Amino acid sequence: MTEVAERMGIGPTGVRDLVKAGHLLSVQTDEGVRIPAEQLDGAVIVKHLIPVLTLLRDAGYSSEEALRWLTTPDDTIPGTPLTALHENRATEIKRRAQALGF
């Protein structure tokens, strides 16, 4: 969490607020709560990540499941959904996330 807070230029409380608001994913590990920095593009949240996270939550995905979906390679994209968001290819990722709810 500290790395993400430093990159974003906000304190840990600000990062916790972003997680609580559903703007970032956190996962529980043996070392405690982890916030994967891959969700950031420099110092900001990856463009279109927030609506994709909303779609995944609406489909019933937990934070761990959403992170797994975002980071699992898919040859039809190509790459991972999170990579596609980094590359501003959000339309297909949003469509796929929305389809998970049906």
PDB file of N, CA and C in Angstrom:
ATOM      1  N   MET A   1       0.825  -1.185   0.000  1.00  0.00           N
ATOM      2  CA  MET A   1       0.000   0.000   0.000  1.00  0.00           C
ATOM      3  C   MET A   1       0.875   1.256   0.000  1.00  0.00           C
ATOM      4  N   THR A   2       2.001   1.178   0.668  1.00  0.00           N
ATOM      5  CA  THR A   2       2.895   2.335   0.755  1.00  0.00           C
ATOM      6  C   THR A   2       3.407   2.741  -0.616  1.00  0.00           C
ATOM      7  N   GLU A   3       3.775   1.750  -1.443  1.00  0.00           N
ATOM      8  CA  GLU A   3       4.282   2.051  -2.787  1.00  0.00           C
ATOM      9  C   GLU A   3       3.222   2.777  -3.618  1.00  0.00           C
ATOM     10  N   VAL A   4       1.993   2.304  -3.558  1.00  0.00           N
ATOM     11  CA  VAL A   4       0.908   2.924  -4.312  1.00  0.00           C
ATOM     12  C   VAL A   4       0.660   4.341  -3.790  1.00  0.00           C
ATOM     13  N   ALA A   5       0.667   4.511  -2.483  1.00  0.00           N
ATOM     14  CA  ALA A   5       0.463   5.841  -1.897  1.00  0.00           C
ATOM     15  C   ALA A   5       1.552   6.803  -2.356  1.00  0.00           C
ATOM     16  N   GLU A   6       2.791   6.340  -2.358  1.00  0.00           N
ATOM     17  CA  GLU A   6       3.899   7.194  -2.797  1.00  0.00           C
ATOM     18  C   GLU A   6       3.775   7.547  -4.275  1.00  0.00           C
ATOM     19  N   ARG A   7       3.444   6.548  -5.100  1.00  0.00           N
ATOM     20  CA  ARG A   7       3.305   6.811  -6.540  1.00  0.00           C
ATOM     21  C   ARG A   7       2.205   7.810  -6.824  1.00  0.00           C
ATOM     22  N   MET A   8       1.114   7.705  -6.072  1.00  0.00           N
ATOM     23  CA  MET A   8      -0.026   8.582  -6.312  1.00  0.00           C
ATOM     24  C   MET A   8       0.133   9.934  -5.623  1.00  0.00           C
ATOM     25  N   GLY A   9       1.084  10.035  -4.708  1.00  0.00           N
ATOM     26  CA  GLY A   9       1.275  11.281  -3.988  1.00  0.00           C
ATOM     27  C   GLY A   9       0.198  11.551  -2.947  1.00  0.00           C
ATOM     28  N   ILE A  10      -0.369  10.464  -2.434  1.00  0.00           N
ATOM     29  CA  ILE A  10      -1.383  10.585  -1.381  1.00  0.00           C
ATOM     30  C   ILE A  10      -0.952   9.691  -0.225  1.00  0.00           C
ATOM     31  N   GLY A  11      -1.582   9.863   0.897  1.00  0.00           N
ATOM     32  CA  GLY A  11      -1.252   9.035   2.050  1.00  0.00           C
ATOM     33  C   GLY A  11      -1.956   7.694   1.997  1.00  0.00           C
ATOM     34  N   PRO A  12      -1.559   6.784   2.895  1.00  0.00           N
ATOM     35  CA  PRO A  12      -2.223   5.477   2.965  1.00  0.00           C
ATOM     36  C   PRO A  12      -3.728   5.568   3.177  1.00  0.00           C
ATOM     37  N   THR A  13      -4.166   6.581   3.912  1.00  0.00           N
ATOM     38  CA  THR A  13      -5.609   6.760   4.122  1.00  0.00           C
ATOM     39  C   THR A  13      -6.308   7.048   2.803  1.00  0.00           C
ATOM     40  N   GLY A  14      -5.690   7.841   1.952  1.00  0.00           N
ATOM     41  CA  GLY A  14      -6.260   8.127   0.642  1.00  0.00           C
ATOM     42  C   GLY A  14      -6.369   6.876  -0.210  1.00  0.00           C
ATOM     43  N   VAL A  15      -5.363   6.010  -0.129  1.00  0.00           N
ATOM     44  CA  VAL A  15      -5.399   4.748  -0.880  1.00  0.00           C
ATOM     45  C   VAL A  15      -6.510   3.861  -0.333  1.00  0.00           C
ATOM     46  N   ARG A  16      -6.622   3.785   0.992  1.00  0.00           N
ATOM     47  CA  ARG A  16      -7.703   2.981   1.593  1.00  0.00           C
ATOM     48  C   ARG A  16      -9.075   3.510   1.158  1.00  0.00           C
ATOM     49  N   ASP A  17      -9.196   4.827   1.057  1.00  0.00           N
ATOM     50  CA  ASP A  17     -10.458   5.424   0.599  1.00  0.00           C
ATOM     51  C   ASP A  17     -10.767   5.017  -0.841  1.00  0.00           C
ATOM     52  N   LEU A  18      -9.739   4.964  -1.692  1.00  0.00           N
ATOM     53  CA  LEU A  18      -9.937   4.543  -3.087  1.00  0.00           C
ATOM     54  C   LEU A  18     -10.370   3.080  -3.155  1.00  0.00           C
ATOM     55  N   VAL A  19      -9.797   2.251  -2.290  1.00  0.00           N
ATOM     56  CA  VAL A  19     -10.199   0.837  -2.236  1.00  0.00           C
ATOM     57  C   VAL A  19     -11.634   0.737  -1.755  1.00  0.00           C
ATOM     58  N   LYS A  20     -11.948   1.466  -0.699  1.00  0.00           N
ATOM     59  CA  LYS A  20     -13.304   1.436  -0.141  1.00  0.00           C
ATOM     60  C   LYS A  20     -14.346   1.902  -1.150  1.00  0.00           C
ATOM     61  N   ALA A  21     -13.966   2.880  -1.984  1.00  0.00           N
ATOM     62  CA  ALA A  21     -14.876   3.397  -3.010  1.00  0.00           C
ATOM     63  C   ALA A  21     -14.963   2.471  -4.222  1.00  0.00           C
ATOM     64  N   GLY A  22     -14.126   1.435  -4.268  1.00  0.00           N
ATOM     65  CA  GLY A  22     -14.146   0.501  -5.394  1.00  0.00           C
ATOM     66  C   GLY A  22     -13.332   0.958  -6.578  1.00  0.00           C
ATOM     67  N   HIS A  23     -12.444   1.927  -6.377  1.00  0.00           N
ATOM     68  CA  HIS A  23     -11.627   2.444  -7.475  1.00  0.00           C
ATOM     69  C   HIS A  23     -10.326   1.675  -7.655  1.00  0.00           C
ATOM     70  N   LEU A  24      -9.900   0.965  -6.619  1.00  0.00           N
ATOM     71  CA  LEU A  24      -8.712   0.113  -6.675  1.00  0.00           C
ATOM     72  C   LEU A  24      -9.042  -1.210  -6.010  1.00  0.00           C
ATOM     73  N   LEU A  25      -8.365  -2.264  -6.438  1.00  0.00           N
ATOM     74  CA  LEU A  25      -8.521  -3.573  -5.823  1.00  0.00           C
ATOM     75  C   LEU A  25      -7.455  -3.772  -4.762  1.00  0.00           C
ATOM     76  N   SER A  26      -7.830  -4.430  -3.692  1.00  0.00           N
ATOM     77  CA  SER A  26      -6.853  -4.880  -2.711  1.00  0.00           C
ATOM     78  C   SER A  26      -7.097  -6.364  -2.487  1.00  0.00           C
ATOM     79  N   VAL A  27      -6.035  -7.062  -2.159  1.00  0.00           N
ATOM     80  CA  VAL A  27      -6.141  -8.493  -1.866  1.00  0.00           C
ATOM     81  C   VAL A  27      -5.394  -8.780  -0.582  1.00  0.00           C
ATOM     82  N   GLN A  28      -5.901  -9.737   0.166  1.00  0.00           N
ATOM     83  CA  GLN A  28      -5.266 -10.147   1.412  1.00  0.00           C
ATOM     84  C   GLN A  28      -4.219 -11.205   1.097  1.00  0.00           C
ATOM     85  N   THR A  29      -3.006 -11.010   1.570  1.00  0.00           N
ATOM     86  CA  THR A  29      -1.924 -11.984   1.404  1.00  0.00           C
ATOM     87  C   THR A  29      -1.380 -12.333   2.783  1.00  0.00           C
ATOM     88  N   ASP A  30      -0.423 -13.248   2.823  1.00  0.00           N
ATOM     89  CA  ASP A  30       0.212 -13.598   4.094  1.00  0.00           C
ATOM     90  C   ASP A  30       0.923 -12.404   4.718  1.00  0.00           C
ATOM     91  N   GLU A  31       1.345 -11.468   3.869  1.00  0.00           N
ATOM     92  CA  GLU A  31       2.040 -10.275   4.353  1.00  0.00           C
ATOM     93  C   GLU A  31       1.080  -9.141   4.713  1.00  0.00           C
ATOM     94  N   GLY A  32      -0.198  -9.343   4.534  1.00  0.00           N
ATOM     95  CA  GLY A  32      -1.190  -8.307   4.818  1.00  0.00           C
ATOM     96  C   GLY A  32      -1.927  -7.898   3.563  1.00  0.00           C
ATOM     97  N   VAL A  33      -2.507  -6.721   3.580  1.00  0.00           N
ATOM     98  CA  VAL A  33      -3.265  -6.208   2.441  1.00  0.00           C
ATOM     99  C   VAL A  33      -2.295  -5.739   1.370  1.00  0.00           C
ATOM    100  N   ARG A  34      -2.555  -6.165   0.137  1.00  0.00           N
ATOM    101  CA  ARG A  34      -1.709  -5.781  -1.007  1.00  0.00           C
ATOM    102  C   ARG A  34      -2.577  -5.065  -2.019  1.00  0.00           C
ATOM    103  N   ILE A  35      -2.047  -3.982  -2.575  1.00  0.00           N
ATOM    104  CA  ILE A  35      -2.720  -3.257  -3.644  1.00  0.00           C
ATOM    105  C   ILE A  35      -1.795  -3.312  -4.852  1.00  0.00           C
ATOM    106  N   PRO A  36      -2.109  -4.148  -5.836  1.00  0.00           N
ATOM    107  CA  PRO A  36      -1.227  -4.292  -6.991  1.00  0.00           C
ATOM    108  C   PRO A  36      -1.023  -2.968  -7.731  1.00  0.00           C
ATOM    109  N   ALA A  37       0.225  -2.588  -7.867  1.00  0.00           N
ATOM    110  CA  ALA A  37       0.577  -1.324  -8.513  1.00  0.00           C
ATOM    111  C   ALA A  37       0.261  -1.338 -10.006  1.00  0.00           C
ATOM    112  N   GLU A  38       0.002  -2.500 -10.591  1.00  0.00           N
ATOM    113  CA  GLU A  38      -0.334  -2.596 -12.005  1.00  0.00           C
ATOM    114  C   GLU A  38      -1.634  -1.864 -12.324  1.00  0.00           C
ATOM    115  N   GLN A  39      -2.385  -1.517 -11.277  1.00  0.00           N
ATOM    116  CA  GLN A  39      -3.626  -0.778 -11.475  1.00  0.00           C
ATOM    117  C   GLN A  39      -3.380   0.694 -11.768  1.00  0.00           C
ATOM    118  N   LEU A  40      -2.118   1.103 -11.668  1.00  0.00           N
ATOM    119  CA  LEU A  40      -1.762   2.496 -11.894  1.00  0.00           C
ATOM    120  C   LEU A  40      -1.060   2.668 -13.225  1.00  0.00           C
ATOM    121  N   ASP A  41      -1.260   3.830 -13.808  1.00  0.00           N
ATOM    122  CA  ASP A  41      -0.525   4.262 -14.991  1.00  0.00           C
ATOM    123  C   ASP A  41       0.248   5.494 -14.541  1.00  0.00           C
ATOM    124  N   GLY A  42       1.490   5.274 -14.144  1.00  0.00           N
ATOM    125  CA  GLY A  42       2.254   6.351 -13.525  1.00  0.00           C
ATOM    126  C   GLY A  42       1.692   6.616 -12.144  1.00  0.00           C
ATOM    127  N   ALA A  43       1.184   7.821 -11.938  1.00  0.00           N
ATOM    128  CA  ALA A  43       0.655   8.208 -10.624  1.00  0.00           C
ATOM    129  C   ALA A  43      -0.866   8.197 -10.570  1.00  0.00           C
ATOM    130  N   VAL A  44      -1.526   7.752 -11.648  1.00  0.00           N
ATOM    131  CA  VAL A  44      -2.987   7.771 -11.682  1.00  0.00           C
ATOM    132  C   VAL A  44      -3.536   6.368 -11.943  1.00  0.00           C
ATOM    133  N   ILE A  45      -4.791   6.184 -11.592  1.00  0.00           N
ATOM    134  CA  ILE A  45      -5.459   4.911 -11.846  1.00  0.00           C
ATOM    135  C   ILE A  45      -5.593   4.732 -13.350  1.00  0.00           C
ATOM    136  N   VAL A  46      -5.350   3.513 -13.826  1.00  0.00           N
ATOM    137  CA  VAL A  46      -5.448   3.214 -15.249  1.00  0.00           C
ATOM    138  C   VAL A  46      -6.816   3.656 -15.763  1.00  0.00           C
ATOM    139  N   LYS A  47      -6.787   4.359 -16.884  1.00  0.00           N
ATOM    140  CA  LYS A  47      -8.015   4.847 -17.490  1.00  0.00           C
ATOM    141  C   LYS A  47      -8.969   3.673 -17.748  1.00  0.00           C
ATOM    142  N   HIS A  48     -10.208   3.841 -17.422  1.00  0.00           N
ATOM    143  CA  HIS A  48     -11.287   2.870 -17.612  1.00  0.00           C
ATOM    144  C   HIS A  48     -11.267   1.717 -16.611  1.00  0.00           C
ATOM    145  N   LEU A  49     -10.307   1.688 -15.669  1.00  0.00           N
ATOM    146  CA  LEU A  49     -10.290   0.606 -14.684  1.00  0.00           C
ATOM    147  C   LEU A  49     -11.513   0.679 -13.771  1.00  0.00           C
ATOM    148  N   ILE A  50     -11.881   1.862 -13.343  1.00  0.00           N
ATOM    149  CA  ILE A  50     -12.989   1.999 -12.392  1.00  0.00           C
ATOM    150  C   ILE A  50     -14.300   1.438 -12.962  1.00  0.00           C
ATOM    151  N   PRO A  51     -14.692   1.785 -14.196  1.00  0.00           N
ATOM    152  CA  PRO A  51     -15.937   1.181 -14.706  1.00  0.00           C
ATOM    153  C   PRO A  51     -15.829  -0.332 -14.913  1.00  0.00           C
ATOM    154  N   VAL A  52     -14.648  -0.816 -15.268  1.00  0.00           N
ATOM    155  CA  VAL A  52     -14.478  -2.269 -15.426  1.00  0.00           C
ATOM    156  C   VAL A  52     -14.629  -2.948 -14.066  1.00  0.00           C
ATOM    157  N   LEU A  53     -14.066  -2.370 -13.018  1.00  0.00           N
ATOM    158  CA  LEU A  53     -14.217  -2.944 -11.678  1.00  0.00           C
ATOM    159  C   LEU A  53     -15.684  -2.952 -11.261  1.00  0.00           C
ATOM    160  N   THR A  54     -16.419  -1.921 -11.610  1.00  0.00           N
ATOM    161  CA  THR A  54     -17.848  -1.873 -11.305  1.00  0.00           C
ATOM    162  C   THR A  54     -18.586  -2.999 -12.021  1.00  0.00           C
ATOM    163  N   LEU A  55     -18.266  -3.202 -13.294  1.00  0.00           N
ATOM    164  CA  LEU A  55     -18.898  -4.287 -14.057  1.00  0.00           C
ATOM    165  C   LEU A  55     -18.576  -5.650 -13.452  1.00  0.00           C
ATOM    166  N   LEU A  56     -17.329  -5.845 -13.031  1.00  0.00           N
ATOM    167  CA  LEU A  56     -16.936  -7.123 -12.436  1.00  0.00           C
ATOM    168  C   LEU A  56     -17.635  -7.346 -11.095  1.00  0.00           C
ATOM    169  N   ARG A  57     -17.753  -6.304 -10.286  1.00  0.00           N
ATOM    170  CA  ARG A  57     -18.483  -6.429  -9.019  1.00  0.00           C
ATOM    171  C   ARG A  57     -19.950  -6.752  -9.289  1.00  0.00           C
ATOM    172  N   ASP A  58     -20.523  -6.077 -10.289  1.00  0.00           N
ATOM    173  CA  ASP A  58     -21.924  -6.339 -10.636  1.00  0.00           C
ATOM    174  C   ASP A  58     -22.117  -7.787 -11.096  1.00  0.00           C
ATOM    175  N   ALA A  59     -21.069  -8.379 -11.662  1.00  0.00           N
ATOM    176  CA  ALA A  59     -21.122  -9.773 -12.102  1.00  0.00           C
ATOM    177  C   ALA A  59     -20.878 -10.742 -10.941  1.00  0.00           C
ATOM    178  N   GLY A  60     -20.625 -10.199  -9.742  1.00  0.00           N
ATOM    179  CA  GLY A  60     -20.449 -11.038  -8.567  1.00  0.00           C
ATOM    180  C   GLY A  60     -19.015 -11.405  -8.258  1.00  0.00           C
ATOM    181  N   TYR A  61     -18.069 -10.772  -8.920  1.00  0.00           N
ATOM    182  CA  TYR A  61     -16.663 -11.082  -8.699  1.00  0.00           C
ATOM    183  C   TYR A  61     -16.168 -10.459  -7.394  1.00  0.00           C
ATOM    184  N   SER A  62     -15.395 -11.235  -6.630  1.00  0.00           N
ATOM    185  CA  SER A  62     -14.705 -10.691  -5.457  1.00  0.00           C
ATOM    186  C   SER A  62     -13.467  -9.937  -5.946  1.00  0.00           C
ATOM    187  N   SER A  63     -12.801  -9.256  -5.052  1.00  0.00           N
ATOM    188  CA  SER A  63     -11.568  -8.545  -5.431  1.00  0.00           C
ATOM    189  C   SER A  63     -10.528  -9.513  -5.991  1.00  0.00           C
ATOM    190  N   GLU A  64     -10.380 -10.658  -5.348  1.00  0.00           N
ATOM    191  CA  GLU A  64      -9.403 -11.651  -5.812  1.00  0.00           C
ATOM    192  C   GLU A  64      -9.766 -12.176  -7.199  1.00  0.00           C
ATOM    193  N   GLU A  65     -11.047 -12.472  -7.412  1.00  0.00           N
ATOM    194  CA  GLU A  65     -11.500 -12.965  -8.708  1.00  0.00           C
ATOM    195  C   GLU A  65     -11.347 -11.899  -9.786  1.00  0.00           C
ATOM    196  N   ALA A  66     -11.662 -10.650  -9.449  1.00  0.00           N
ATOM    197  CA  ALA A  66     -11.517  -9.560 -10.412  1.00  0.00           C
ATOM    198  C   ALA A  66     -10.053  -9.371 -10.789  1.00  0.00           C
ATOM    199  N   LEU A  67      -9.164  -9.420  -9.795  1.00  0.00           N
ATOM    200  CA  LEU A  67      -7.734  -9.278 -10.083  1.00  0.00           C
ATOM    201  C   LEU A  67      -7.246 -10.431 -10.952  1.00  0.00           C
ATOM    202  N   ARG A  68      -7.708 -11.628 -10.658  1.00  0.00           N
ATOM    203  CA  ARG A  68      -7.320 -12.790 -11.465  1.00  0.00           C
ATOM    204  C   ARG A  68      -7.791 -12.616 -12.912  1.00  0.00           C
ATOM    205  N   TRP A  69      -9.028 -12.159 -13.088  1.00  0.00           N
ATOM    206  CA  TRP A  69      -9.563 -11.954 -14.441  1.00  0.00           C
ATOM    207  C   TRP A  69      -8.771 -10.884 -15.170  1.00  0.00           C
ATOM    208  N   LEU A  70      -8.465  -9.798 -14.475  1.00  0.00           N
ATOM    209  CA  LEU A  70      -7.730  -8.692 -15.100  1.00  0.00           C
ATOM    210  C   LEU A  70      -6.299  -9.062 -15.481  1.00  0.00           C
ATOM    211  N   THR A  71      -5.704 -10.020 -14.788  1.00  0.00           N
ATOM    212  CA  THR A  71      -4.290 -10.336 -15.003  1.00  0.00           C
ATOM    213  C   THR A  71      -4.051 -11.679 -15.677  1.00  0.00           C
ATOM    214  N   THR A  72      -5.103 -12.362 -16.083  1.00  0.00           N
ATOM    215  CA  THR A  72      -4.944 -13.649 -16.773  1.00  0.00           C
ATOM    216  C   THR A  72      -4.790 -13.411 -18.268  1.00  0.00           C
ATOM    217  N   PRO A  73      -3.702 -13.927 -18.858  1.00  0.00           N
ATOM    218  CA  PRO A  73      -3.497 -13.751 -20.304  1.00  0.00           C
ATOM    219  C   PRO A  73      -4.646 -14.348 -21.116  1.00  0.00           C
ATOM    220  N   ASP A  74      -4.992 -13.658 -22.176  1.00  0.00           N
ATOM    221  CA  ASP A  74      -6.059 -14.092 -23.077  1.00  0.00           C
ATOM    222  C   ASP A  74      -5.577 -13.832 -24.502  1.00  0.00           C
ATOM    223  N   ASP A  75      -5.351 -14.902 -25.246  1.00  0.00           N
ATOM    224  CA  ASP A  75      -4.824 -14.776 -26.603  1.00  0.00           C
ATOM    225  C   ASP A  75      -5.761 -14.023 -27.542  1.00  0.00           C
ATOM    226  N   THR A  76      -7.044 -13.960 -27.208  1.00  0.00           N
ATOM    227  CA  THR A  76      -7.982 -13.273 -28.095  1.00  0.00           C
ATOM    228  C   THR A  76      -7.938 -11.759 -27.920  1.00  0.00           C
ATOM    229  N   ILE A  77      -7.247 -11.255 -26.894  1.00  0.00           N
ATOM    230  CA  ILE A  77      -7.212  -9.800 -26.682  1.00  0.00           C
ATOM    231  C   ILE A  77      -6.120  -9.123 -27.509  1.00  0.00           C
ATOM    232  N   PRO A  78      -4.923  -9.419 -27.636  1.00  0.00           N
ATOM    233  CA  PRO A  78      -4.022 -10.315 -26.895  1.00  0.00           C
ATOM    234  C   PRO A  78      -3.498  -9.648 -25.623  1.00  0.00           C
ATOM    235  N   GLY A  79      -2.879 -10.459 -24.767  1.00  0.00           N
ATOM    236  CA  GLY A  79      -2.377  -9.986 -23.483  1.00  0.00           C
ATOM    237  C   GLY A  79      -3.405 -10.226 -22.401  1.00  0.00           C
ATOM    238  N   THR A  80      -3.385  -9.384 -21.400  1.00  0.00           N
ATOM    239  CA  THR A  80      -4.356  -9.472 -20.306  1.00  0.00           C
ATOM    240  C   THR A  80      -5.343  -8.311 -20.427  1.00  0.00           C
ATOM    241  N   PRO A  81      -6.502  -8.443 -19.818  1.00  0.00           N
ATOM    242  CA  PRO A  81      -7.421  -7.305 -19.816  1.00  0.00           C
ATOM    243  C   PRO A  81      -6.787  -6.037 -19.228  1.00  0.00           C
ATOM    244  N   LEU A  82      -5.975  -6.183 -18.188  1.00  0.00           N
ATOM    245  CA  LEU A  82      -5.338  -5.009 -17.592  1.00  0.00           C
ATOM    246  C   LEU A  82      -4.337  -4.378 -18.559  1.00  0.00           C
ATOM    247  N   THR A  83      -3.606  -5.200 -19.306  1.00  0.00           N
ATOM    248  CA  THR A  83      -2.688  -4.682 -20.328  1.00  0.00           C
ATOM    249  C   THR A  83      -3.476  -3.909 -21.380  1.00  0.00           C
ATOM    250  N   ALA A  84      -4.613  -4.446 -21.783  1.00  0.00           N
ATOM    251  CA  ALA A  84      -5.442  -3.772 -22.784  1.00  0.00           C
ATOM    252  C   ALA A  84      -5.909  -2.412 -22.268  1.00  0.00           C
ATOM    253  N   LEU A  85      -6.258  -2.331 -20.987  1.00  0.00           N
ATOM    254  CA  LEU A  85      -6.654  -1.038 -20.426  1.00  0.00           C
ATOM    255  C   LEU A  85      -5.489  -0.060 -20.439  1.00  0.00           C
ATOM    256  N   HIS A  86      -4.295  -0.552 -20.120  1.00  0.00           N
ATOM    257  CA  HIS A  86      -3.104   0.300 -20.174  1.00  0.00           C
ATOM    258  C   HIS A  86      -2.872   0.826 -21.593  1.00  0.00           C
ATOM    259  N   GLU A  87      -3.249   0.030 -22.588  1.00  0.00           N
ATOM    260  CA  GLU A  87      -3.035   0.392 -23.990  1.00  0.00           C
ATOM    261  C   GLU A  87      -4.254   1.085 -24.595  1.00  0.00           C
ATOM    262  N   ASN A  88      -5.161   1.532 -23.750  1.00  0.00           N
ATOM    263  CA  ASN A  88      -6.357   2.263 -24.180  1.00  0.00           C
ATOM    264  C   ASN A  88      -7.238   1.453 -25.131  1.00  0.00           C
ATOM    265  N   ARG A  89      -7.342   0.147 -24.864  1.00  0.00           N
ATOM    266  CA  ARG A  89      -8.237  -0.727 -25.622  1.00  0.00           C
ATOM    267  C   ARG A  89      -9.380  -1.166 -24.710  1.00  0.00           C
ATOM    268  N   ALA A  90     -10.082  -0.197 -24.167  1.00  0.00           N
ATOM    269  CA  ALA A  90     -11.061  -0.461 -23.119  1.00  0.00           C
ATOM    270  C   ALA A  90     -12.399  -0.973 -23.623  1.00  0.00           C
ATOM    271  N   THR A  91     -12.785  -0.633 -24.832  1.00  0.00           N
ATOM    272  CA  THR A  91     -14.121  -1.001 -25.316  1.00  0.00           C
ATOM    273  C   THR A  91     -14.343  -2.506 -25.251  1.00  0.00           C
ATOM    274  N   GLU A  92     -13.401  -3.282 -25.742  1.00  0.00           N
ATOM    275  CA  GLU A  92     -13.529  -4.740 -25.733  1.00  0.00           C
ATOM    276  C   GLU A  92     -13.513  -5.285 -24.307  1.00  0.00           C
ATOM    277  N   ILE A  93     -12.695  -4.714 -23.458  1.00  0.00           N
ATOM    278  CA  ILE A  93     -12.599  -5.191 -22.078  1.00  0.00           C
ATOM    279  C   ILE A  93     -13.906  -4.903 -21.338  1.00  0.00           C
ATOM    280  N   LYS A  94     -14.464  -3.744 -21.529  1.00  0.00           N
ATOM    281  CA  LYS A  94     -15.752  -3.416 -20.906  1.00  0.00           C
ATOM    282  C   LYS A  94     -16.841  -4.353 -21.411  1.00  0.00           C
ATOM    283  N   ARG A  95     -16.840  -4.626 -22.704  1.00  0.00           N
ATOM    284  CA  ARG A  95     -17.847  -5.527 -23.269  1.00  0.00           C
ATOM    285  C   ARG A  95     -17.739  -6.909 -22.642  1.00  0.00           C
ATOM    286  N   ARG A  96     -16.508  -7.408 -22.526  1.00  0.00           N
ATOM    287  CA  ARG A  96     -16.295  -8.741 -21.938  1.00  0.00           C
ATOM    288  C   ARG A  96     -16.676  -8.768 -20.474  1.00  0.00           C
ATOM    289  N   ALA A  97     -16.328  -7.724 -19.719  1.00  0.00           N
ATOM    290  CA  ALA A  97     -16.672  -7.670 -18.299  1.00  0.00           C
ATOM    291  C   ALA A  97     -18.188  -7.614 -18.125  1.00  0.00           C
ATOM    292  N   GLN A  98     -18.851  -6.871 -18.988  1.00  0.00           N
ATOM    293  CA  GLN A  98     -20.306  -6.775 -18.915  1.00  0.00           C
ATOM    294  C   GLN A  98     -20.951  -8.131 -19.212  1.00  0.00           C
ATOM    295  N   ALA A  99     -20.397  -8.873 -20.152  1.00  0.00           N
ATOM    296  CA  ALA A  99     -20.952 -10.172 -20.531  1.00  0.00           C
ATOM    297  C   ALA A  99     -20.819 -11.198 -19.406  1.00  0.00           C
ATOM    298  N   LEU A 100     -19.887 -10.991 -18.487  1.00  0.00           N
ATOM    299  CA  LEU A 100     -19.706 -11.927 -17.384  1.00  0.00           C
ATOM    300  C   LEU A 100     -20.909 -11.963 -16.462  1.00  0.00           C
ATOM    301  N   GLY A 101     -21.690 -10.902 -16.463  1.00  0.00           N
ATOM    302  CA  GLY A 101     -22.860 -10.827 -15.590  1.00  0.00           C
ATOM    303  C   GLY A 101     -24.067 -11.589 -16.099  1.00  0.00           C
ATOM    304  N   PHE A 102     -23.970 -12.118 -17.322  1.00  0.00           N
ATOM    305  CA  PHE A 102     -25.128 -12.798 -17.902  1.00  0.00           C
ATOM    306  C   PHE A 102     -24.930 -14.281 -18.007  1.00  0.00           C
TER     307      PHE A 102
END
